[in-house]
Amino acid sequence: SCKVEAESQREESASTFITVTGNLQTPVFTIHPMEVILGDS
C-alpha cells in the first residue's frame, strides 16, 4: 500500500496483494558455541 501526505492532509491507498512464484532460498543455520559444557547455554 502507499500513503500520501501534503501539507496537513493525509490519505492512504487500498492494499494490493502481489504474488511472486518460485522457491524460497534455504536458510543458513549455525550454533555458537558448537562445543558446550553440560549445564551451560
PDB file of all heavy atoms in Angstrom:
ATOM      1  N   SER A   1       0.857  -1.189   0.000  1.00  0.00           N
ATOM      2  CA  SER A   1       0.000   0.000   0.000  1.00  0.00           C
ATOM      3  C   SER A   1       0.891   1.235   0.000  1.00  0.00           C
ATOM      4  O   SER A   1       2.114   1.140   0.191  1.00  0.00           O
ATOM      5  CB  SER A   1      -0.935   0.018   1.220  1.00  0.00           C
ATOM      6  OG  SER A   1      -0.174   0.101   2.417  1.00  0.00           O
ATOM      7  N   CYS A   2       0.281   2.387  -0.208  1.00  0.00           N
ATOM      8  CA  CYS A   2       1.036   3.642  -0.129  1.00  0.00           C
ATOM      9  C   CYS A   2       0.208   4.701   0.584  1.00  0.00           C
ATOM     10  O   CYS A   2      -1.031   4.615   0.648  1.00  0.00           O
ATOM     11  CB  CYS A   2       1.476   4.125  -1.512  1.00  0.00           C
ATOM     12  SG  CYS A   2       0.129   4.654  -2.596  1.00  0.00           S
ATOM     13  N   LYS A   3       0.916   5.669   1.125  1.00  0.00           N
ATOM     14  CA  LYS A   3       0.270   6.784   1.834  1.00  0.00           C
ATOM     15  C   LYS A   3       0.805   8.087   1.249  1.00  0.00           C
ATOM     16  O   LYS A   3       1.995   8.191   0.921  1.00  0.00           O
ATOM     17  CB  LYS A   3       0.587   6.710   3.326  1.00  0.00           C
ATOM     18  CG  LYS A   3      -0.054   7.836   4.148  1.00  0.00           C
ATOM     19  CD  LYS A   3       0.498   7.863   5.565  1.00  0.00           C
ATOM     20  CE  LYS A   3       0.059   6.666   6.358  1.00  0.00           C
ATOM     21  NZ  LYS A   3       0.498   6.759   7.788  1.00  0.00           N
ATOM     22  N   VAL A   4      -0.081   9.071   1.125  1.00  0.00           N
ATOM     23  CA  VAL A   4       0.293  10.378   0.588  1.00  0.00           C
ATOM     24  C   VAL A   4       0.054  11.438   1.657  1.00  0.00           C
ATOM     25  O   VAL A   4      -0.990  11.445   2.308  1.00  0.00           O
ATOM     26  CB  VAL A   4      -0.516  10.711  -0.690  1.00  0.00           C
ATOM     27  CG1 VAL A   4      -0.305  12.165  -1.097  1.00  0.00           C
ATOM     28  CG2 VAL A   4      -0.109   9.776  -1.822  1.00  0.00           C
ATOM     29  N   GLU A   5       1.036  12.320   1.823  1.00  0.00           N
ATOM     30  CA  GLU A   5       0.922  13.434   2.766  1.00  0.00           C
ATOM     31  C   GLU A   5       1.228  14.741   2.032  1.00  0.00           C
ATOM     32  O   GLU A   5       2.273  14.855   1.378  1.00  0.00           O
ATOM     33  CB  GLU A   5       1.884  13.251   3.940  1.00  0.00           C
ATOM     34  CG  GLU A   5       1.602  12.007   4.779  1.00  0.00           C
ATOM     35  CD  GLU A   5       2.596  11.845   5.914  1.00  0.00           C
ATOM     36  OE1 GLU A   5       3.556  12.655   5.978  1.00  0.00           O
ATOM     37  OE2 GLU A   5       2.431  10.915   6.723  1.00  0.00           O
ATOM     38  N   ALA A   6       0.331  15.700   2.139  1.00  0.00           N
ATOM     39  CA  ALA A   6       0.526  17.018   1.526  1.00  0.00           C
ATOM     40  C   ALA A   6      -0.013  18.065   2.486  1.00  0.00           C
ATOM     41  O   ALA A   6      -1.178  18.005   2.880  1.00  0.00           O
ATOM     42  CB  ALA A   6      -0.191  17.097   0.184  1.00  0.00           C
ATOM     43  N   GLU A   7       0.857  19.005   2.815  1.00  0.00           N
ATOM     44  CA  GLU A   7       0.508  19.981   3.849  1.00  0.00           C
ATOM     45  C   GLU A   7       0.079  19.203   5.104  1.00  0.00           C
ATOM     46  O   GLU A   7       0.809  18.366   5.603  1.00  0.00           O
ATOM     47  CB  GLU A   7      -0.600  20.928   3.353  1.00  0.00           C
ATOM     48  CG  GLU A   7      -0.289  21.670   2.065  1.00  0.00           C
ATOM     49  CD  GLU A   7       0.780  22.743   2.225  1.00  0.00           C
ATOM     50  OE1 GLU A   7       1.056  23.153   3.379  1.00  0.00           O
ATOM     51  OE2 GLU A   7       1.359  23.148   1.201  1.00  0.00           O
ATOM     52  N   SER A   8      -1.117  19.417   5.589  1.00  0.00           N
ATOM     53  CA  SER A   8      -1.583  18.683   6.781  1.00  0.00           C
ATOM     54  C   SER A   8      -2.559  17.567   6.410  1.00  0.00           C
ATOM     55  O   SER A   8      -3.153  16.940   7.278  1.00  0.00           O
ATOM     56  CB  SER A   8      -2.253  19.651   7.759  1.00  0.00           C
ATOM     57  OG  SER A   8      -3.367  20.284   7.144  1.00  0.00           O
ATOM     58  N   GLN A   9      -2.719  17.330   5.107  1.00  0.00           N
ATOM     59  CA  GLN A   9      -3.666  16.318   4.636  1.00  0.00           C
ATOM     60  C   GLN A   9      -2.958  14.974   4.413  1.00  0.00           C
ATOM     61  O   GLN A   9      -1.820  14.921   3.944  1.00  0.00           O
ATOM     62  CB  GLN A   9      -4.331  16.773   3.329  1.00  0.00           C
ATOM     63  CG  GLN A   9      -5.054  18.114   3.445  1.00  0.00           C
ATOM     64  CD  GLN A   9      -6.193  18.064   4.455  1.00  0.00           C
ATOM     65  OE1 GLN A   9      -7.076  17.210   4.342  1.00  0.00           O
ATOM     66  NE2 GLN A   9      -6.167  18.962   5.425  1.00  0.00           N
ATOM     67  N   ARG A  10      -3.635  13.852   4.749  1.00  0.00           N
ATOM     68  CA  ARG A  10      -3.098  12.504   4.576  1.00  0.00           C
ATOM     69  C   ARG A  10      -4.181  11.585   4.017  1.00  0.00           C
ATOM     70  O   ARG A  10      -5.338  11.698   4.392  1.00  0.00           O
ATOM     71  CB  ARG A  10      -2.604  11.926   5.904  1.00  0.00           C
ATOM     72  CG  ARG A  10      -1.420  12.647   6.494  1.00  0.00           C
ATOM     73  CD  ARG A  10      -1.022  12.022   7.832  1.00  0.00           C
ATOM     74  NE  ARG A  10       0.136  12.670   8.413  1.00  0.00           N
ATOM     75  CZ  ARG A  10       0.110  13.773   9.141  1.00  0.00           C
ATOM     76  NH1 ARG A  10      -1.065  14.358   9.365  1.00  0.00           N
ATOM     77  NH2 ARG A  10       1.214  14.300   9.613  1.00  0.00           N
ATOM     78  N   GLU A  11      -3.759  10.686   3.151  1.00  0.00           N
ATOM     79  CA  GLU A  11      -4.697   9.724   2.583  1.00  0.00           C
ATOM     80  C   GLU A  11      -3.921   8.459   2.201  1.00  0.00           C
ATOM     81  O   GLU A  11      -2.765   8.520   1.776  1.00  0.00           O
ATOM     82  CB  GLU A  11      -5.403  10.304   1.352  1.00  0.00           C
ATOM     83  CG  GLU A  11      -6.589   9.498   0.872  1.00  0.00           C
ATOM     84  CD  GLU A  11      -7.744   9.494   1.856  1.00  0.00           C
ATOM     85  OE1 GLU A  11      -8.008  10.551   2.474  1.00  0.00           O
ATOM     86  OE2 GLU A  11      -8.372   8.425   2.012  1.00  0.00           O
ATOM     87  N   GLU A  12      -4.571   7.283   2.356  1.00  0.00           N
ATOM     88  CA  GLU A  12      -3.933   6.008   2.054  1.00  0.00           C
ATOM     89  C   GLU A  12      -4.646   5.319   0.899  1.00  0.00           C
ATOM     90  O   GLU A  12      -5.849   5.494   0.692  1.00  0.00           O
ATOM     91  CB  GLU A  12      -3.962   5.083   3.274  1.00  0.00           C
ATOM     92  CG  GLU A  12      -3.217   5.604   4.473  1.00  0.00           C
ATOM     93  CD  GLU A  12      -3.330   4.671   5.669  1.00  0.00           C
ATOM     94  OE1 GLU A  12      -3.862   3.546   5.481  1.00  0.00           O
ATOM     95  OE2 GLU A  12      -2.902   5.049   6.766  1.00  0.00           O
ATOM     96  N   SER A  13      -3.876   4.513   0.179  1.00  0.00           N
ATOM     97  CA  SER A  13      -4.471   3.691  -0.877  1.00  0.00           C
ATOM     98  C   SER A  13      -5.033   2.416  -0.261  1.00  0.00           C
ATOM     99  O   SER A  13      -4.775   2.105   0.898  1.00  0.00           O
ATOM    100  CB  SER A  13      -3.408   3.320  -1.914  1.00  0.00           C
ATOM    101  OG  SER A  13      -2.493   2.370  -1.350  1.00  0.00           O
ATOM    102  N   ALA A  14      -5.769   1.671  -1.055  1.00  0.00           N
ATOM    103  CA  ALA A  14      -6.195   0.329  -0.629  1.00  0.00           C
ATOM    104  C   ALA A  14      -4.991  -0.612  -0.736  1.00  0.00           C
ATOM    105  O   ALA A  14      -4.044  -0.358  -1.482  1.00  0.00           O
ATOM    106  CB  ALA A  14      -7.335  -0.147  -1.516  1.00  0.00           C
ATOM    107  N   SER A  15      -5.011  -1.706   0.032  1.00  0.00           N
ATOM    108  CA  SER A  15      -3.931  -2.690  -0.018  1.00  0.00           C
ATOM    109  C   SER A  15      -4.075  -3.557  -1.269  1.00  0.00           C
ATOM    110  O   SER A  15      -5.184  -3.932  -1.662  1.00  0.00           O
ATOM    111  CB  SER A  15      -3.948  -3.586   1.222  1.00  0.00           C
ATOM    112  OG  SER A  15      -3.632  -2.834   2.367  1.00  0.00           O
ATOM    113  N   THR A  16      -2.944  -3.871  -1.892  1.00  0.00           N
ATOM    114  CA  THR A  16      -2.898  -4.707  -3.089  1.00  0.00           C
ATOM    115  C   THR A  16      -2.011  -5.906  -2.819  1.00  0.00           C
ATOM    116  O   THR A  16      -0.886  -5.745  -2.318  1.00  0.00           O
ATOM    117  CB  THR A  16      -2.345  -3.918  -4.293  1.00  0.00           C
ATOM    118  OG1 THR A  16      -3.205  -2.800  -4.560  1.00  0.00           O
ATOM    119  CG2 THR A  16      -2.269  -4.804  -5.531  1.00  0.00           C
ATOM    120  N   PHE A  17      -2.485  -7.125  -3.133  1.00  0.00           N
ATOM    121  CA  PHE A  17      -1.686  -8.325  -2.888  1.00  0.00           C
ATOM    122  C   PHE A  17      -0.935  -8.706  -4.151  1.00  0.00           C
ATOM    123  O   PHE A  17      -1.507  -8.809  -5.229  1.00  0.00           O
ATOM    124  CB  PHE A  17      -2.574  -9.495  -2.446  1.00  0.00           C
ATOM    125  CG  PHE A  17      -1.790 -10.654  -1.903  1.00  0.00           C
ATOM    126  CD1 PHE A  17      -1.449 -10.691  -0.558  1.00  0.00           C
ATOM    127  CD2 PHE A  17      -1.368 -11.684  -2.729  1.00  0.00           C
ATOM    128  CE1 PHE A  17      -0.719 -11.756  -0.032  1.00  0.00           C
ATOM    129  CE2 PHE A  17      -0.636 -12.747  -2.223  1.00  0.00           C
ATOM    130  CZ  PHE A  17      -0.302 -12.779  -0.870  1.00  0.00           C
ATOM    131  N   ILE A  18       0.369  -8.933  -3.975  1.00  0.00           N
ATOM    132  CA  ILE A  18       1.236  -9.336  -5.083  1.00  0.00           C
ATOM    133  C   ILE A  18       1.781 -10.732  -4.782  1.00  0.00           C
ATOM    134  O   ILE A  18       2.261 -10.991  -3.677  1.00  0.00           O
ATOM    135  CB  ILE A  18       2.393  -8.340  -5.277  1.00  0.00           C
ATOM    136  CG1 ILE A  18       1.847  -6.961  -5.655  1.00  0.00           C
ATOM    137  CG2 ILE A  18       3.371  -8.841  -6.335  1.00  0.00           C
ATOM    138  CD1 ILE A  18       2.910  -5.885  -5.755  1.00  0.00           C
ATOM    139  N   THR A  19       1.721 -11.610  -5.767  1.00  0.00           N
ATOM    140  CA  THR A  19       2.241 -12.973  -5.618  1.00  0.00           C
ATOM    141  C   THR A  19       3.449 -13.161  -6.521  1.00  0.00           C
ATOM    142  O   THR A  19       3.375 -12.890  -7.727  1.00  0.00           O
ATOM    143  CB  THR A  19       1.170 -14.019  -5.978  1.00  0.00           C
ATOM    144  OG1 THR A  19       0.043 -13.862  -5.119  1.00  0.00           O
ATOM    145  CG2 THR A  19       1.722 -15.429  -5.819  1.00  0.00           C
ATOM    146  N   VAL A  20       4.556 -13.614  -5.929  1.00  0.00           N
ATOM    147  CA  VAL A  20       5.758 -13.944  -6.698  1.00  0.00           C
ATOM    148  C   VAL A  20       5.969 -15.445  -6.590  1.00  0.00           C
ATOM    149  O   VAL A  20       6.084 -15.991  -5.488  1.00  0.00           O
ATOM    150  CB  VAL A  20       6.996 -13.195  -6.174  1.00  0.00           C
ATOM    151  CG1 VAL A  20       8.228 -13.548  -7.008  1.00  0.00           C
ATOM    152  CG2 VAL A  20       6.764 -11.682  -6.188  1.00  0.00           C
ATOM    153  N   THR A  21       5.992 -16.120  -7.730  1.00  0.00           N
ATOM    154  CA  THR A  21       6.125 -17.573  -7.733  1.00  0.00           C
ATOM    155  C   THR A  21       7.599 -17.982  -7.614  1.00  0.00           C
ATOM    156  O   THR A  21       8.499 -17.199  -7.921  1.00  0.00           O
ATOM    157  CB  THR A  21       5.535 -18.178  -9.019  1.00  0.00           C
ATOM    158  OG1 THR A  21       6.254 -17.652 -10.148  1.00  0.00           O
ATOM    159  CG2 THR A  21       4.061 -17.840  -9.137  1.00  0.00           C
ATOM    160  N   GLY A  22       7.835 -19.222  -7.156  1.00  0.00           N
ATOM    161  CA  GLY A  22       9.205 -19.717  -7.017  1.00  0.00           C
ATOM    162  C   GLY A  22       9.424 -20.344  -5.650  1.00  0.00           C
ATOM    163  O   GLY A  22       8.498 -20.439  -4.832  1.00  0.00           O
ATOM    164  N   ASN A  23      10.653 -20.779  -5.398  1.00  0.00           N
ATOM    165  CA  ASN A  23      11.008 -21.440  -4.145  1.00  0.00           C
ATOM    166  C   ASN A  23      11.838 -20.520  -3.255  1.00  0.00           C
ATOM    167  O   ASN A  23      12.717 -19.795  -3.741  1.00  0.00           O
ATOM    168  CB  ASN A  23      11.801 -22.729  -4.424  1.00  0.00           C
ATOM    169  CG  ASN A  23      10.986 -23.745  -5.202  1.00  0.00           C
ATOM    170  OD1 ASN A  23       9.798 -23.941  -4.940  1.00  0.00           O
ATOM    171  ND2 ASN A  23      11.615 -24.386  -6.185  1.00  0.00           N
ATOM    172  N   LEU A  24      11.544 -20.594  -1.966  1.00  0.00           N
ATOM    173  CA  LEU A  24      12.331 -19.815  -1.006  1.00  0.00           C
ATOM    174  C   LEU A  24      13.741 -20.385  -0.905  1.00  0.00           C
ATOM    175  O   LEU A  24      13.954 -21.600  -1.000  1.00  0.00           O
ATOM    176  CB  LEU A  24      11.671 -19.860   0.378  1.00  0.00           C
ATOM    177  CG  LEU A  24      10.301 -19.207   0.504  1.00  0.00           C
ATOM    178  CD1 LEU A  24       9.718 -19.490   1.889  1.00  0.00           C
ATOM    179  CD2 LEU A  24      10.389 -17.703   0.290  1.00  0.00           C
ATOM    180  N   GLN A  25      14.710 -19.493  -0.708  1.00  0.00           N
ATOM    181  CA  GLN A  25      16.084 -19.948  -0.520  1.00  0.00           C
ATOM    182  C   GLN A  25      16.225 -20.683   0.810  1.00  0.00           C
ATOM    183  O   GLN A  25      15.579 -20.325   1.801  1.00  0.00           O
ATOM    184  CB  GLN A  25      17.053 -18.765  -0.566  1.00  0.00           C
ATOM    185  CG  GLN A  25      17.256 -18.197  -1.963  1.00  0.00           C
ATOM    186  CD  GLN A  25      18.425 -17.228  -2.021  1.00  0.00           C
ATOM    187  OE1 GLN A  25      19.118 -17.019  -1.035  1.00  0.00           O
ATOM    188  NE2 GLN A  25      18.640 -16.647  -3.181  1.00  0.00           N
ATOM    189  N   THR A  26      17.084 -21.684   0.826  1.00  0.00           N
ATOM    190  CA  THR A  26      17.344 -22.445   2.054  1.00  0.00           C
ATOM    191  C   THR A  26      18.131 -21.584   3.030  1.00  0.00           C
ATOM    192  O   THR A  26      19.150 -20.995   2.654  1.00  0.00           O
ATOM    193  CB  THR A  26      18.139 -23.724   1.734  1.00  0.00           C
ATOM    194  OG1 THR A  26      17.413 -24.500   0.787  1.00  0.00           O
ATOM    195  CG2 THR A  26      18.377 -24.552   2.991  1.00  0.00           C
ATOM    196  N   PRO A  27      17.688 -21.461   4.276  1.00  0.00           N
ATOM    197  CA  PRO A  27      18.402 -20.625   5.253  1.00  0.00           C
ATOM    198  C   PRO A  27      19.726 -21.256   5.695  1.00  0.00           C
ATOM    199  O   PRO A  27      19.960 -22.450   5.462  1.00  0.00           O
ATOM    200  CB  PRO A  27      17.417 -20.525   6.418  1.00  0.00           C
ATOM    201  CG  PRO A  27      16.607 -21.777   6.322  1.00  0.00           C
ATOM    202  CD  PRO A  27      16.496 -22.090   4.861  1.00  0.00           C
ATOM    203  N   VAL A  28      20.550 -20.459   6.331  1.00  0.00           N
ATOM    204  CA  VAL A  28      21.829 -20.920   6.882  1.00  0.00           C
ATOM    205  C   VAL A  28      21.684 -21.027   8.396  1.00  0.00           C
ATOM    206  O   VAL A  28      21.249 -20.075   9.057  1.00  0.00           O
ATOM    207  CB  VAL A  28      22.983 -19.957   6.529  1.00  0.00           C
ATOM    208  CG1 VAL A  28      24.281 -20.402   7.206  1.00  0.00           C
ATOM    209  CG2 VAL A  28      23.163 -19.881   5.017  1.00  0.00           C
ATOM    210  N   PHE A  29      22.053 -22.186   8.930  1.00  0.00           N
ATOM    211  CA  PHE A  29      21.903 -22.439  10.372  1.00  0.00           C
ATOM    212  C   PHE A  29      23.271 -22.650  11.008  1.00  0.00           C
ATOM    213  O   PHE A  29      24.113 -23.391  10.490  1.00  0.00           O
ATOM    214  CB  PHE A  29      21.028 -23.675  10.597  1.00  0.00           C
ATOM    215  CG  PHE A  29      20.834 -24.041  12.036  1.00  0.00           C
ATOM    216  CD1 PHE A  29      19.995 -23.291  12.843  1.00  0.00           C
ATOM    217  CD2 PHE A  29      21.499 -25.116  12.605  1.00  0.00           C
ATOM    218  CE1 PHE A  29      19.821 -23.609  14.175  1.00  0.00           C
ATOM    219  CE2 PHE A  29      21.333 -25.444  13.930  1.00  0.00           C
ATOM    220  CZ  PHE A  29      20.485 -24.688  14.722  1.00  0.00           C
ATOM    221  N   THR A  30      23.495 -21.996  12.158  1.00  0.00           N
ATOM    222  CA  THR A  30      24.753 -22.151  12.896  1.00  0.00           C
ATOM    223  C   THR A  30      24.463 -22.280  14.387  1.00  0.00           C
ATOM    224  O   THR A  30      23.403 -21.868  14.865  1.00  0.00           O
ATOM    225  CB  THR A  30      25.699 -20.954  12.674  1.00  0.00           C
ATOM    226  OG1 THR A  30      25.013 -19.737  13.046  1.00  0.00           O
ATOM    227  CG2 THR A  30      26.138 -20.850  11.227  1.00  0.00           C
ATOM    228  N   ILE A  31      25.437 -22.862  15.102  1.00  0.00           N
ATOM    229  CA  ILE A  31      25.373 -22.955  16.564  1.00  0.00           C
ATOM    230  C   ILE A  31      26.654 -22.344  17.119  1.00  0.00           C
ATOM    231  O   ILE A  31      27.749 -22.672  16.658  1.00  0.00           O
ATOM    232  CB  ILE A  31      25.250 -24.414  17.045  1.00  0.00           C
ATOM    233  CG1 ILE A  31      23.977 -25.061  16.490  1.00  0.00           C
ATOM    234  CG2 ILE A  31      25.243 -24.491  18.567  1.00  0.00           C
ATOM    235  CD1 ILE A  31      23.829 -26.538  16.853  1.00  0.00           C
ATOM    236  N   HIS A  32      26.504 -21.460  18.096  1.00  0.00           N
ATOM    237  CA  HIS A  32      27.690 -20.839  18.691  1.00  0.00           C
ATOM    238  C   HIS A  32      27.521 -20.718  20.209  1.00  0.00           C
ATOM    239  O   HIS A  32      26.587 -20.099  20.678  1.00  0.00           O
ATOM    240  CB  HIS A  32      27.929 -19.449  18.095  1.00  0.00           C
ATOM    241  CG  HIS A  32      29.177 -18.801  18.609  1.00  0.00           C
ATOM    242  ND1 HIS A  32      30.432 -19.170  18.188  1.00  0.00           N
ATOM    243  CD2 HIS A  32      29.344 -17.828  19.535  1.00  0.00           C
ATOM    244  CE1 HIS A  32      31.335 -18.443  18.820  1.00  0.00           C
ATOM    245  NE2 HIS A  32      30.699 -17.615  19.632  1.00  0.00           N
ATOM    246  N   PRO A  33      28.433 -21.349  20.979  1.00  0.00           N
ATOM    247  CA  PRO A  33      29.495 -22.251  20.522  1.00  0.00           C
ATOM    248  C   PRO A  33      28.937 -23.631  20.192  1.00  0.00           C
ATOM    249  O   PRO A  33      27.911 -24.037  20.725  1.00  0.00           O
ATOM    250  CB  PRO A  33      30.438 -22.307  21.720  1.00  0.00           C
ATOM    251  CG  PRO A  33      29.536 -22.094  22.897  1.00  0.00           C
ATOM    252  CD  PRO A  33      28.470 -21.143  22.446  1.00  0.00           C
ATOM    253  N   MET A  34      29.676 -24.368  19.323  1.00  0.00           N
ATOM    254  CA  MET A  34      29.241 -25.716  18.954  1.00  0.00           C
ATOM    255  C   MET A  34      29.618 -26.728  20.022  1.00  0.00           C
ATOM    256  O   MET A  34      28.969 -27.760  20.155  1.00  0.00           O
ATOM    257  CB  MET A  34      29.855 -26.119  17.608  1.00  0.00           C
ATOM    258  CG  MET A  34      29.246 -25.372  16.427  1.00  0.00           C
ATOM    259  SD  MET A  34      29.917 -25.932  14.849  1.00  0.00           S
ATOM    260  CE  MET A  34      29.379 -27.637  14.833  1.00  0.00           C
ATOM    261  N   GLU A  35      30.683 -26.444  20.765  1.00  0.00           N
ATOM    262  CA  GLU A  35      31.083 -27.297  21.884  1.00  0.00           C
ATOM    263  C   GLU A  35      30.680 -26.611  23.179  1.00  0.00           C
ATOM    264  O   GLU A  35      31.123 -25.497  23.460  1.00  0.00           O
ATOM    265  CB  GLU A  35      32.598 -27.544  21.858  1.00  0.00           C
ATOM    266  CG  GLU A  35      33.044 -28.373  20.659  1.00  0.00           C
ATOM    267  CD  GLU A  35      34.518 -28.707  20.715  1.00  0.00           C
ATOM    268  OE1 GLU A  35      35.207 -28.239  21.654  1.00  0.00           O
ATOM    269  OE2 GLU A  35      34.991 -29.439  19.828  1.00  0.00           O
ATOM    270  N   VAL A  36      29.830 -27.252  23.939  1.00  0.00           N
ATOM    271  CA  VAL A  36      29.275 -26.625  25.134  1.00  0.00           C
ATOM    272  C   VAL A  36      29.309 -27.622  26.286  1.00  0.00           C
ATOM    273  O   VAL A  36      29.181 -28.836  26.085  1.00  0.00           O
ATOM    274  CB  VAL A  36      27.841 -26.125  24.875  1.00  0.00           C
ATOM    275  CG1 VAL A  36      26.923 -27.267  24.531  1.00  0.00           C
ATOM    276  CG2 VAL A  36      27.293 -25.341  26.039  1.00  0.00           C
ATOM    277  N   ILE A  37      29.505 -27.080  27.490  1.00  0.00           N
ATOM    278  CA  ILE A  37      29.540 -27.910  28.690  1.00  0.00           C
ATOM    279  C   ILE A  37      28.105 -28.141  29.169  1.00  0.00           C
ATOM    280  O   ILE A  37      27.280 -27.221  29.170  1.00  0.00           O
ATOM    281  CB  ILE A  37      30.363 -27.226  29.798  1.00  0.00           C
ATOM    282  CG1 ILE A  37      31.787 -26.955  29.294  1.00  0.00           C
ATOM    283  CG2 ILE A  37      30.408 -28.073  31.062  1.00  0.00           C
ATOM    284  CD1 ILE A  37      32.584 -26.055  30.211  1.00  0.00           C
ATOM    285  N   LEU A  38      27.840 -29.365  29.566  1.00  0.00           N
ATOM    286  CA  LEU A  38      26.531 -29.695  30.109  1.00  0.00           C
ATOM    287  C   LEU A  38      26.189 -28.740  31.256  1.00  0.00           C
ATOM    288  O   LEU A  38      26.981 -28.556  32.173  1.00  0.00           O
ATOM    289  CB  LEU A  38      26.549 -31.146  30.617  1.00  0.00           C
ATOM    290  CG  LEU A  38      25.207 -31.783  30.961  1.00  0.00           C
ATOM    291  CD1 LEU A  38      24.378 -31.975  29.704  1.00  0.00           C
ATOM    292  CD2 LEU A  38      25.433 -33.130  31.635  1.00  0.00           C
ATOM    293  N   GLY A  39      25.017 -28.101  31.175  1.00  0.00           N
ATOM    294  CA  GLY A  39      24.622 -27.116  32.185  1.00  0.00           C
ATOM    295  C   GLY A  39      24.761 -25.688  31.709  1.00  0.00           C
ATOM    296  O   GLY A  39      24.156 -24.776  32.277  1.00  0.00           O
ATOM    297  N   ASP A  40      25.563 -25.458  30.640  1.00  0.00           N
ATOM    298  CA  ASP A  40      25.717 -24.120  30.076  1.00  0.00           C
ATOM    299  C   ASP A  40      24.679 -23.880  28.986  1.00  0.00           C
ATOM    300  O   ASP A  40      23.848 -24.743  28.690  1.00  0.00           O
ATOM    301  CB  ASP A  40      27.126 -23.936  29.513  1.00  0.00           C
ATOM    302  CG  ASP A  40      28.148 -23.624  30.599  1.00  0.00           C
ATOM    303  OD1 ASP A  40      27.725 -23.394  31.752  1.00  0.00           O
ATOM    304  OD2 ASP A  40      29.358 -23.624  30.304  1.00  0.00           O
ATOM    305  N   SER A  41      24.749 -22.710  28.349  1.00  0.00           N
ATOM    306  CA  SER A  41      23.834 -22.359  27.257  1.00  0.00           C
ATOM    307  C   SER A  41      24.606 -22.157  25.965  1.00  0.00           C
ATOM    308  O   SER A  41      25.795 -21.854  25.981  1.00  0.00           O
ATOM    309  CB  SER A  41      23.054 -21.086  27.586  1.00  0.00           C
ATOM    310  OG  SER A  41      22.193 -21.285  28.681  1.00  0.00           O
TER     311      SER A  41
END
